[in-house]
Amino acid sequence: MLQWNREASQYRSIGYGSGNTILKSARAIGDALARSGAPYAEYFGDLDPTGVYIAAMLDRGLREQGSPALQIAVPFYRWLMANGRRRLLGGDKRMSAGSTVEWLPPDLRKEAMLLFEAGQWIPQESLSLHVLQNELFV
């Protein structure tokens, strides 16, 4: 993502988390938004119940401190739904999907529920540098 953004300049900055450790970064993300003047932050992670839950909780943390709400990186998730490598949900990825998908926009919510109900998930790594350079934002 960083390599692609150096040339594409779609984002002012890109941050990485490791699972739910990003939830501890809400204050830092809010501060970075305020300093940069960015109107929002976008989230892109694994398309699984845990990944969506993490995004929803980060969004809540940002809003509770008065920062702009977290937005989903819709083009990336749409690409994942259409083209991503589906994997079987393991025990570490399972949780109640119903409550987690509420954070997603309506057009992705139903597709995500069907994916999760089928016992599947899509890793964010399905969206490769090649795809970013040649299929999205070109």
Protein backbone atom coordinates (compact mmCIF):
# COMPACT_ATOMS: atom_id res chain seq x y z
CA MET A 1 0.00 0.00 0.00
CA LEU A 2 2.78 2.45 0.88
CA GLN A 3 4.66 1.70 -2.32
CA TRP A 4 1.53 2.26 -4.39
CA ASN A 5 0.58 5.47 -2.56
CA ARG A 6 4.00 7.06 -3.16
CA GLU A 7 3.01 7.44 -6.80
CA ALA A 8 -0.79 7.48 -6.58
CA SER A 9 -0.91 10.09 -3.78
CA GLN A 10 -4.42 9.03 -2.80
CA TYR A 11 -3.72 9.32 0.94
CA ARG A 12 -1.83 11.82 3.10
CA SER A 13 -0.55 9.02 5.27
CA ILE A 14 -1.01 5.30 5.78
CA GLY A 15 -0.86 3.55 9.12
CA TYR A 16 -0.68 -0.12 9.89
CA GLY A 17 -2.07 -2.07 12.79
CA SER A 18 -1.61 -5.64 13.82
CA GLY A 19 -5.00 -7.08 14.61
CA ASN A 20 -6.76 -5.29 17.42
CA THR A 21 -3.64 -3.41 18.58
CA ILE A 22 -4.79 -0.53 16.38
CA LEU A 23 -7.60 0.05 18.88
CA LYS A 24 -4.99 1.51 21.24
CA SER A 25 -4.16 4.11 18.57
CA ALA A 26 -7.46 6.01 18.42
CA ARG A 27 -6.02 9.05 20.20
CA ALA A 28 -2.92 9.12 17.95
CA ILE A 29 -5.07 8.76 14.84
CA GLY A 30 -7.36 11.55 16.02
CA ASP A 31 -4.35 13.78 16.70
CA ALA A 32 -2.91 13.02 13.25
CA LEU A 33 -6.24 13.91 11.63
CA ALA A 34 -6.35 17.20 13.50
CA ARG A 35 -2.74 18.10 12.62
CA SER A 36 -3.10 17.21 8.96
CA GLY A 37 -6.52 18.75 8.46
CA ALA A 38 -7.75 15.49 6.94
CA PRO A 39 -11.54 15.32 7.12
CA TYR A 40 -11.57 11.58 7.85
CA ALA A 41 -9.54 8.40 8.09
CA GLU A 42 -10.26 5.30 6.04
CA TYR A 43 -9.95 1.71 7.18
CA PHE A 44 -8.92 -1.32 5.17
CA GLY A 45 -8.35 -4.69 6.78
CA ASP A 46 -9.28 -8.32 6.45
CA LEU A 47 -12.88 -8.88 5.46
CA ASP A 48 -13.85 -11.14 8.33
CA PRO A 49 -16.04 -10.64 11.42
CA THR A 50 -13.04 -9.77 13.59
CA GLY A 51 -11.65 -7.26 11.09
CA VAL A 52 -15.00 -5.49 10.75
CA TYR A 53 -15.42 -5.48 14.54
CA ILE A 54 -11.99 -3.86 14.96
CA ALA A 55 -12.96 -1.13 12.49
CA ALA A 56 -16.28 -0.52 14.25
CA MET A 57 -14.55 -0.23 17.63
CA LEU A 58 -11.88 2.11 16.25
CA ASP A 59 -14.64 4.24 14.72
CA ARG A 60 -16.39 4.40 18.09
CA GLY A 61 -13.14 5.37 19.83
CA LEU A 62 -12.51 8.17 17.35
CA ARG A 63 -16.04 9.56 17.62
CA GLU A 64 -16.01 9.39 21.44
CA GLN A 65 -12.98 11.69 21.52
CA GLY A 66 -14.57 14.12 19.04
CA SER A 67 -12.51 13.05 16.03
CA PRO A 68 -14.00 12.48 12.59
CA ALA A 69 -15.65 9.11 12.09
CA LEU A 70 -13.70 6.29 10.49
CA GLN A 71 -14.79 5.50 6.95
CA ILE A 72 -14.47 2.25 5.11
CA ALA A 73 -12.17 2.15 2.07
CA VAL A 74 -15.12 1.22 -0.15
CA PRO A 75 -13.29 0.69 -3.47
CA PHE A 76 -10.87 -1.72 -1.81
CA TYR A 77 -13.64 -3.74 -0.15
CA ARG A 78 -15.71 -3.82 -3.33
CA TRP A 79 -12.68 -5.23 -5.14
CA LEU A 80 -12.20 -7.84 -2.39
CA MET A 81 -15.83 -8.95 -2.63
CA ALA A 82 -15.62 -9.29 -6.42
CA ASN A 83 -12.12 -10.72 -6.77
CA GLY A 84 -10.55 -11.61 -3.43
CA ARG A 85 -9.30 -15.06 -2.43
CA ARG A 86 -11.92 -16.56 -0.13
CA ARG A 87 -10.70 -18.60 2.80
CA LEU A 88 -12.48 -20.72 5.36
CA LEU A 89 -13.15 -18.95 8.64
CA GLY A 90 -11.10 -20.53 11.39
CA GLY A 91 -11.85 -20.36 15.07
CA ASP A 92 -9.66 -17.26 15.45
CA LYS A 93 -11.76 -15.38 12.88
CA ARG A 94 -15.23 -16.37 14.10
CA MET A 95 -17.51 -14.15 16.12
CA SER A 96 -21.08 -12.95 15.85
CA ALA A 97 -21.19 -11.56 12.33
CA GLY A 98 -24.59 -9.90 12.69
CA SER A 99 -23.49 -7.15 15.03
CA THR A 100 -20.19 -6.53 13.27
CA VAL A 101 -21.55 -5.86 9.78
CA GLU A 102 -23.69 -2.94 10.95
CA TRP A 103 -20.63 -0.70 10.59
CA LEU A 104 -20.38 -1.47 6.86
CA PRO A 105 -22.27 0.62 4.32
CA PRO A 106 -25.57 -0.96 3.25
CA ASP A 107 -24.33 -2.05 -0.18
CA LEU A 108 -21.52 -4.12 1.38
CA ARG A 109 -23.38 -5.26 4.50
CA LYS A 110 -25.49 -7.94 2.80
CA GLU A 111 -22.55 -9.34 0.81
CA ALA A 112 -20.41 -9.50 3.94
CA MET A 113 -23.14 -11.32 5.89
CA LEU A 114 -23.47 -13.89 3.11
CA LEU A 115 -19.70 -14.33 3.05
CA PHE A 116 -19.51 -14.84 6.82
CA GLU A 117 -22.58 -17.10 6.93
CA ALA A 118 -20.87 -19.28 4.30
CA GLY A 119 -17.98 -19.62 6.76
CA GLN A 120 -15.61 -17.61 4.59
CA TRP A 121 -13.43 -14.54 4.82
CA ILE A 122 -11.13 -12.60 2.48
CA PRO A 123 -7.63 -11.47 3.50
CA GLN A 124 -6.72 -7.88 2.71
CA GLU A 125 -3.56 -9.18 1.04
CA SER A 126 -5.73 -10.32 -1.88
CA LEU A 127 -5.50 -6.70 -3.00
CA SER A 128 -1.97 -6.72 -4.40
CA LEU A 129 0.31 -3.95 -5.58
CA HIS A 130 -0.36 -5.08 -9.16
CA VAL A 131 -4.11 -4.59 -8.65
CA LEU A 132 -3.61 -1.18 -7.05
CA GLN A 133 -1.37 -0.04 -9.90
CA ASN A 134 -3.38 -1.49 -12.78
CA GLU A 135 -7.02 -1.85 -11.78
CA LEU A 136 -7.92 0.70 -9.11
CA PHE A 137 -7.54 4.46 -9.36
CA VAL A 138 -6.13 4.35 -12.89
